[in-house]
Amino acid sequence: MAGDIITLTLGGLVPADARIHSGEIPVDQSMLTGESAPVEAGRGVTAYSGALIRRGEAVAEVTAIGAQTKFGQTAGLVRSAHVVSTQQKTVFGVVRNIAACNGVLILCMSAYAYCIGLTEAELIPLILTAVLASIPVALPATFTLAAALGPRELAKKGVLPTRLSAVDEAGTMDVLCADKTGTLTRNELKVGKTQPLGGSDEAYVLALAAFASAEGGQDPVDLAIRAASAAKPVAPSCSLVRFTPFDPALRMSEATVKNAAGASLRVIKGAFASVAGLAAPSPGAAALEKALEAQSLRVMAVAAGRRRRSSSV
């Protein structure tokens, strides 16, 4: 309930909306927001119910449970959203017009029958018959048949509508809003560009980055780097000696590797600003980082060396 103190740990789900008191954890909120990249949640930040904890541990206070959480409120809005389809509006419009026209005809016919002297016993059956005849019994079947022609044509083009009315609805749309994660995208990060510096090549930089990435974890960045490194393998000239997991406070992870000559090499991977502060100054790297960010890319930096002398991005 609200006010309870809970511990959020790696691999778990946030059970309720909770404000973090201590610690810092990256949470995957794609279930709620559609964004596949984890959000760093530290002291004072609210972690929402249903979010997956990617790394670390934190202590938090529950602020909302059940239907009061952001996820619960969203589910409630979805359940209460009822929109009349265009097909329903069309059917209702046709039925209303037919009913109005038939109503006028029935009144005229009834007035005429009364004027020619029909008795009440003869007039009532006549009116009831006219009313029943005005009901468009075959109209729903006619609309269903007409609605099936559109999906049939689309099926020939490789499009499979899930509902017959979907084609008509798509034709009346002005604005289409889509959840891109898992719908328009595959909900996974990939290494887009690798820019080696200091005489390194792309495969070597990816190999060093893979050493500084957690193996077997669920961090999407580490998974993307390891997948990119596996696609461009290099000769096994280095071996891992020690690995330090990602530190949210420092915003980087570290690994110690041993090269073919037996020398130890320190490898750091993380946010560009954090890594650049430890590596030798490189004006070219700073300009390259700004250029990549201008392309809406998430930039990670990798630095390697015995005494922080060489760097690669």
Protein backbone atom coordinates (compact mmCIF):
# COMPACT_ATOMS: atom_id res chain seq x y z
CA MET A 1 0.00 0.00 0.00
CA ALA A 2 1.05 3.64 -0.30
CA GLY A 3 3.84 4.50 2.10
CA ASP A 4 5.43 1.04 2.12
CA ILE A 5 9.21 0.85 1.65
CA ILE A 6 10.32 -1.63 -1.01
CA THR A 7 13.64 -2.76 -2.50
CA LEU A 8 14.00 -2.77 -6.28
CA THR A 9 16.62 -5.18 -7.61
CA LEU A 10 18.03 -6.35 -10.95
CA GLY A 11 15.63 -8.36 -13.11
CA GLY A 12 12.53 -7.57 -11.06
CA LEU A 13 9.37 -5.68 -11.97
CA VAL A 14 8.37 -2.51 -10.15
CA PRO A 15 5.20 -3.66 -8.30
CA ALA A 16 3.70 -0.18 -7.91
CA ASP A 17 4.47 3.46 -8.58
CA ALA A 18 7.35 4.19 -6.20
CA ARG A 19 9.56 7.20 -5.50
CA ILE A 20 13.22 6.24 -5.12
CA HIS A 21 14.87 7.19 -1.81
CA SER A 22 18.37 5.82 -2.37
CA GLY A 23 20.28 4.14 -5.17
CA GLU A 24 20.07 4.56 -8.92
CA ILE A 25 18.62 2.05 -11.38
CA PRO A 26 17.90 2.02 -15.12
CA VAL A 27 14.28 0.94 -15.69
CA ASP A 28 12.73 -0.33 -18.91
CA GLN A 29 9.35 1.43 -19.18
CA SER A 30 8.56 0.32 -22.74
CA MET A 31 5.46 -1.48 -21.45
CA LEU A 32 4.03 1.93 -20.49
CA THR A 33 5.77 4.54 -22.64
CA GLY A 34 6.85 2.51 -25.69
CA GLU A 35 10.48 3.66 -25.38
CA SER A 36 12.91 0.75 -25.58
CA ALA A 37 15.88 2.61 -24.05
CA PRO A 38 16.06 2.32 -20.23
CA VAL A 39 15.48 5.45 -18.16
CA GLU A 40 17.92 6.26 -15.37
CA ALA A 41 15.94 6.61 -12.13
CA GLY A 42 17.71 8.07 -9.10
CA ARG A 43 16.77 9.72 -5.82
CA GLY A 44 13.44 11.58 -6.06
CA VAL A 45 12.45 10.00 -9.39
CA THR A 46 9.29 7.88 -9.63
CA ALA A 47 9.59 4.38 -11.08
CA TYR A 48 6.28 3.33 -12.58
CA SER A 49 4.47 0.06 -12.02
CA GLY A 50 5.32 -2.67 -14.54
CA ALA A 51 8.79 -1.29 -15.38
CA LEU A 52 11.63 -3.82 -15.63
CA ILE A 53 14.77 -3.14 -13.59
CA ARG A 54 17.78 -3.56 -15.88
CA ARG A 55 20.60 -3.08 -13.41
CA GLY A 56 21.51 -2.12 -9.86
CA GLU A 57 19.44 -1.84 -6.69
CA ALA A 58 17.42 0.93 -5.04
CA VAL A 59 15.13 1.57 -2.07
CA ALA A 60 11.83 3.28 -2.83
CA GLU A 61 8.56 4.35 -1.21
CA VAL A 62 5.25 3.26 -2.75
CA THR A 63 3.18 6.23 -3.90
CA ALA A 64 0.29 4.52 -5.74
CA ILE A 65 -1.05 0.99 -6.21
CA GLY A 66 -3.55 -0.79 -8.44
CA ALA A 67 -5.82 1.44 -10.50
CA GLN A 68 -4.15 4.58 -9.07
CA THR A 69 -0.82 3.81 -10.79
CA LYS A 70 0.04 5.30 -14.18
CA PHE A 71 -0.34 1.86 -15.74
CA GLY A 72 -3.73 1.36 -14.05
CA GLN A 73 -4.95 4.77 -15.19
CA THR A 74 -3.86 4.02 -18.75
CA ALA A 75 -5.67 0.67 -18.71
CA GLY A 76 -8.79 2.41 -17.41
CA LEU A 77 -8.70 4.95 -20.23
CA VAL A 78 -8.37 2.15 -22.79
CA ARG A 79 -11.36 0.29 -21.32
CA SER A 80 -13.53 3.42 -21.29
CA ALA A 81 -12.68 4.46 -24.86
CA HIS A 82 -15.65 3.63 -27.09
CA VAL A 83 -15.77 5.17 -30.55
CA VAL A 84 -18.61 4.70 -33.02
CA SER A 85 -17.14 3.43 -36.28
CA THR A 86 -17.71 5.10 -39.62
CA GLN A 87 -19.63 2.06 -40.82
CA GLN A 88 -22.00 2.29 -37.87
CA LYS A 89 -22.57 5.98 -38.54
CA THR A 90 -23.32 5.21 -42.19
CA VAL A 91 -25.80 2.43 -41.32
CA PHE A 92 -27.53 4.62 -38.74
CA GLY A 93 -27.78 7.46 -41.25
CA VAL A 94 -29.29 5.24 -43.96
CA VAL A 95 -31.77 3.67 -41.50
CA ARG A 96 -32.77 7.11 -40.19
CA ASN A 97 -33.44 8.42 -43.70
CA ILE A 98 -35.38 5.30 -44.70
CA ALA A 99 -37.43 5.47 -41.49
CA ALA A 100 -38.26 9.14 -42.07
CA CYS A 101 -39.31 8.50 -45.68
CA ASN A 102 -41.39 5.45 -44.76
CA GLY A 103 -42.97 7.34 -41.87
CA VAL A 104 -44.19 10.03 -44.23
CA LEU A 105 -45.55 7.41 -46.65
CA ILE A 106 -47.36 5.54 -43.86
CA LEU A 107 -48.99 8.74 -42.63
CA CYS A 108 -50.12 9.62 -46.14
CA MET A 109 -51.43 6.10 -46.72
CA SER A 110 -53.25 6.07 -43.39
CA ALA A 111 -54.87 9.43 -44.13
CA TYR A 112 -56.00 8.22 -47.52
CA ALA A 113 -57.39 4.98 -46.08
CA TYR A 114 -59.31 6.94 -43.47
CA CYS A 115 -60.70 9.27 -46.11
CA ILE A 116 -62.05 6.42 -48.27
CA GLY A 117 -63.91 5.05 -45.27
CA LEU A 118 -61.86 2.05 -44.08
CA THR A 119 -62.90 0.82 -40.66
CA GLU A 120 -60.60 0.72 -37.66
CA ALA A 121 -60.34 -3.07 -37.90
CA GLU A 122 -59.09 -2.71 -41.47
CA LEU A 123 -56.87 0.31 -40.84
CA ILE A 124 -54.77 -1.09 -37.98
CA PRO A 125 -53.53 -4.23 -39.84
CA LEU A 126 -52.73 -2.03 -42.84
CA ILE A 127 -50.60 0.35 -40.76
CA LEU A 128 -48.79 -2.53 -38.99
CA THR A 129 -48.02 -4.18 -42.32
CA ALA A 130 -46.63 -0.92 -43.69
CA VAL A 131 -44.43 -0.44 -40.61
CA LEU A 132 -43.02 -3.97 -40.84
CA ALA A 133 -42.37 -3.53 -44.56
CA SER A 134 -40.36 -0.37 -43.85
CA ILE A 135 -37.82 -2.21 -41.65
CA PRO A 136 -34.60 -2.77 -43.74
CA VAL A 137 -33.98 -6.39 -42.71
CA ALA A 138 -31.44 -7.04 -45.46
CA LEU A 139 -29.46 -3.84 -44.85
CA PRO A 140 -26.87 -5.32 -42.39
CA ALA A 141 -26.15 -8.23 -44.72
CA THR A 142 -25.79 -5.81 -47.64
CA PHE A 143 -23.30 -3.64 -45.75
CA THR A 144 -21.33 -6.71 -44.61
CA LEU A 145 -21.05 -7.95 -48.19
CA ALA A 146 -19.99 -4.53 -49.43
CA ALA A 147 -17.42 -4.21 -46.63
CA ALA A 148 -15.93 -7.60 -47.56
CA LEU A 149 -15.03 -6.43 -51.08
CA GLY A 150 -12.36 -4.00 -49.82
CA PRO A 151 -10.42 -6.56 -47.72
CA ARG A 152 -10.66 -9.00 -50.62
CA GLU A 153 -8.85 -6.55 -52.89
CA LEU A 154 -6.30 -5.73 -50.21
CA ALA A 155 -5.61 -9.44 -49.64
CA LYS A 156 -4.52 -9.68 -53.27
CA LYS A 157 -1.90 -7.01 -52.50
CA GLY A 158 -0.59 -8.81 -49.40
CA VAL A 159 -2.53 -6.80 -46.79
CA LEU A 160 -4.57 -8.80 -44.25
CA PRO A 161 -7.18 -6.69 -42.39
CA THR A 162 -8.18 -8.10 -39.00
CA ARG A 163 -11.69 -6.63 -39.19
CA LEU A 164 -13.94 -5.91 -42.15
CA SER A 165 -14.55 -2.39 -40.90
CA ALA A 166 -10.79 -1.68 -40.66
CA VAL A 167 -10.55 -0.79 -44.35
CA ASP A 168 -13.31 1.77 -44.08
CA GLU A 169 -11.80 3.18 -40.89
CA ALA A 170 -8.37 3.51 -42.52
CA GLY A 171 -9.91 5.41 -45.42
CA THR A 172 -11.42 8.02 -43.08
CA MET A 173 -8.28 8.68 -40.99
CA ASP A 174 -6.60 12.08 -41.00
CA VAL A 175 -3.89 11.33 -38.41
CA LEU A 176 -2.34 7.93 -37.63
CA CYS A 177 -0.59 7.47 -34.26
CA ALA A 178 1.39 4.25 -33.86
CA ASP A 179 3.43 2.77 -31.01
CA LYS A 180 6.74 2.28 -32.79
CA THR A 181 8.36 -0.07 -30.25
CA GLY A 182 7.68 -3.65 -31.28
CA THR A 183 5.26 -2.41 -33.95
CA LEU A 184 7.27 -0.32 -36.40
CA THR A 185 10.56 -1.36 -34.82
CA ARG A 186 11.90 -4.63 -33.35
CA ASN A 187 12.27 -3.24 -29.80
CA GLU A 188 16.01 -3.79 -29.71
CA LEU A 189 19.05 -1.53 -29.87
CA LYS A 190 21.75 -1.94 -32.50
CA VAL A 191 25.17 -0.43 -33.03
CA GLY A 192 24.66 2.04 -35.86
CA LYS A 193 28.12 3.51 -36.40
CA THR A 194 31.58 2.82 -35.03
CA GLN A 195 34.20 5.55 -35.41
CA PRO A 196 37.72 4.33 -34.48
CA LEU A 197 40.35 6.87 -33.40
CA GLY A 198 44.03 6.62 -32.59
CA GLY A 199 44.84 4.11 -35.32
CA SER A 200 42.36 1.44 -34.16
CA ASP A 201 40.02 -0.43 -36.48
CA GLU A 202 36.29 -1.00 -36.06
CA ALA A 203 36.50 -4.69 -35.12
CA TYR A 204 39.13 -3.99 -32.43
CA VAL A 205 37.06 -1.18 -30.89
CA LEU A 206 33.98 -3.42 -30.78
CA ALA A 207 36.02 -6.21 -29.18
CA LEU A 208 37.26 -3.85 -26.44
CA ALA A 209 33.72 -2.56 -25.89
CA ALA A 210 32.49 -6.16 -25.59
CA PHE A 211 35.05 -6.83 -22.83
CA ALA A 212 33.58 -3.88 -20.89
CA SER A 213 29.99 -5.12 -21.39
CA ALA A 214 28.18 -7.46 -19.03
CA GLU A 215 27.84 -11.01 -20.35
CA GLY A 216 24.47 -12.68 -19.89
CA GLY A 217 22.75 -9.54 -18.55
CA GLN A 218 19.65 -7.81 -19.85
CA ASP A 219 21.12 -4.38 -20.52
CA PRO A 220 20.12 -3.53 -24.13
CA VAL A 221 23.29 -1.49 -24.74
CA ASP A 222 25.58 -4.33 -23.66
CA LEU A 223 23.56 -6.83 -25.70
CA ALA A 224 23.82 -4.62 -28.80
CA ILE A 225 27.60 -4.18 -28.40
CA ARG A 226 28.21 -7.90 -27.90
CA ALA A 227 26.07 -8.73 -30.94
CA ALA A 228 27.98 -6.21 -33.09
CA SER A 229 31.32 -7.56 -31.84
CA ALA A 230 30.30 -11.16 -32.58
CA ALA A 231 29.41 -10.12 -36.16
CA LYS A 232 32.94 -8.71 -36.67
CA PRO A 233 35.28 -11.04 -34.75
CA VAL A 234 38.99 -10.34 -34.41
CA ALA A 235 41.88 -12.66 -33.66
CA PRO A 236 41.79 -13.68 -29.97
CA SER A 237 44.75 -11.49 -28.91
CA CYS A 238 43.24 -10.37 -25.56
CA SER A 239 41.66 -12.16 -22.63
CA LEU A 240 39.46 -10.79 -19.86
CA VAL A 241 41.04 -10.53 -16.41
CA ARG A 242 38.50 -8.54 -14.45
CA PHE A 243 35.18 -6.85 -15.16
CA THR A 244 33.56 -4.03 -13.14
CA PRO A 245 29.82 -3.63 -13.86
CA PHE A 246 28.30 -0.35 -14.93
CA ASP A 247 28.25 2.26 -12.16
CA PRO A 248 25.28 4.66 -12.56
CA ALA A 249 27.12 7.32 -10.55
CA LEU A 250 30.21 7.21 -12.79
CA ARG A 251 28.13 6.33 -15.88
CA MET A 252 30.63 3.77 -17.14
CA SER A 253 31.85 0.18 -16.80
CA GLU A 254 35.44 -1.06 -16.73
CA ALA A 255 37.39 -4.16 -17.70
CA THR A 256 40.98 -5.27 -17.36
CA VAL A 257 42.26 -7.39 -20.23
CA LYS A 258 45.59 -9.02 -21.00
CA ASN A 259 46.98 -8.76 -24.51
CA ALA A 260 49.07 -11.30 -26.41
CA ALA A 261 52.27 -9.92 -24.91
CA GLY A 262 50.95 -10.43 -21.38
CA ALA A 263 50.55 -6.71 -20.63
CA SER A 264 47.46 -5.52 -18.79
CA LEU A 265 45.16 -3.12 -20.59
CA ARG A 266 42.46 -0.99 -18.94
CA VAL A 267 39.24 -0.64 -20.95
CA ILE A 268 36.48 1.85 -20.05
CA LYS A 269 33.07 2.09 -21.74
CA GLY A 270 30.31 4.55 -20.95
CA ALA A 271 28.91 8.02 -21.52
CA PHE A 272 31.14 10.17 -23.69
CA ALA A 273 31.60 12.92 -21.09
CA SER A 274 32.63 10.42 -18.40
CA VAL A 275 35.07 8.52 -20.59
CA ALA A 276 36.50 11.66 -22.20
CA GLY A 277 37.36 12.96 -18.74
CA LEU A 278 39.65 9.96 -18.15
CA ALA A 279 41.22 9.66 -21.60
CA ALA A 280 43.75 11.96 -23.23
CA PRO A 281 42.18 15.15 -24.70
CA SER A 282 40.97 14.63 -28.26
CA PRO A 283 39.36 17.59 -30.11
CA GLY A 284 38.48 15.27 -32.97
CA ALA A 285 36.53 12.97 -30.65
CA ALA A 286 34.53 15.89 -29.22
CA ALA A 287 33.60 17.14 -32.69
CA LEU A 288 32.68 13.63 -33.78
CA GLU A 289 30.47 13.17 -30.69
CA LYS A 290 28.54 16.35 -31.50
CA ALA A 291 28.11 15.28 -35.13
CA LEU A 292 26.73 11.87 -34.10
CA GLU A 293 24.36 13.41 -31.56
CA ALA A 294 23.09 15.75 -34.28
CA GLN A 295 22.00 12.60 -36.13
CA SER A 296 19.88 11.57 -33.08
CA LEU A 297 22.28 8.74 -32.25
CA ARG A 298 23.07 7.64 -28.71
CA VAL A 299 26.84 8.03 -28.37
CA MET A 300 28.95 5.66 -26.27
CA ALA A 301 32.71 6.03 -25.83
CA VAL A 302 35.42 3.41 -25.33
CA ALA A 303 38.89 4.24 -24.01
CA ALA A 304 41.73 1.76 -23.69
CA GLY A 305 45.32 2.06 -22.55
CA ARG A 306 47.83 1.33 -19.84
CA ARG A 307 48.07 4.91 -18.65
CA ARG A 308 44.99 6.52 -20.19
CA ARG A 309 46.97 7.61 -23.24
CA SER A 310 44.95 6.23 -26.17
CA SER A 311 41.24 6.37 -26.84
CA SER A 312 38.71 5.12 -29.34
CA VAL A 313 35.11 6.20 -29.87
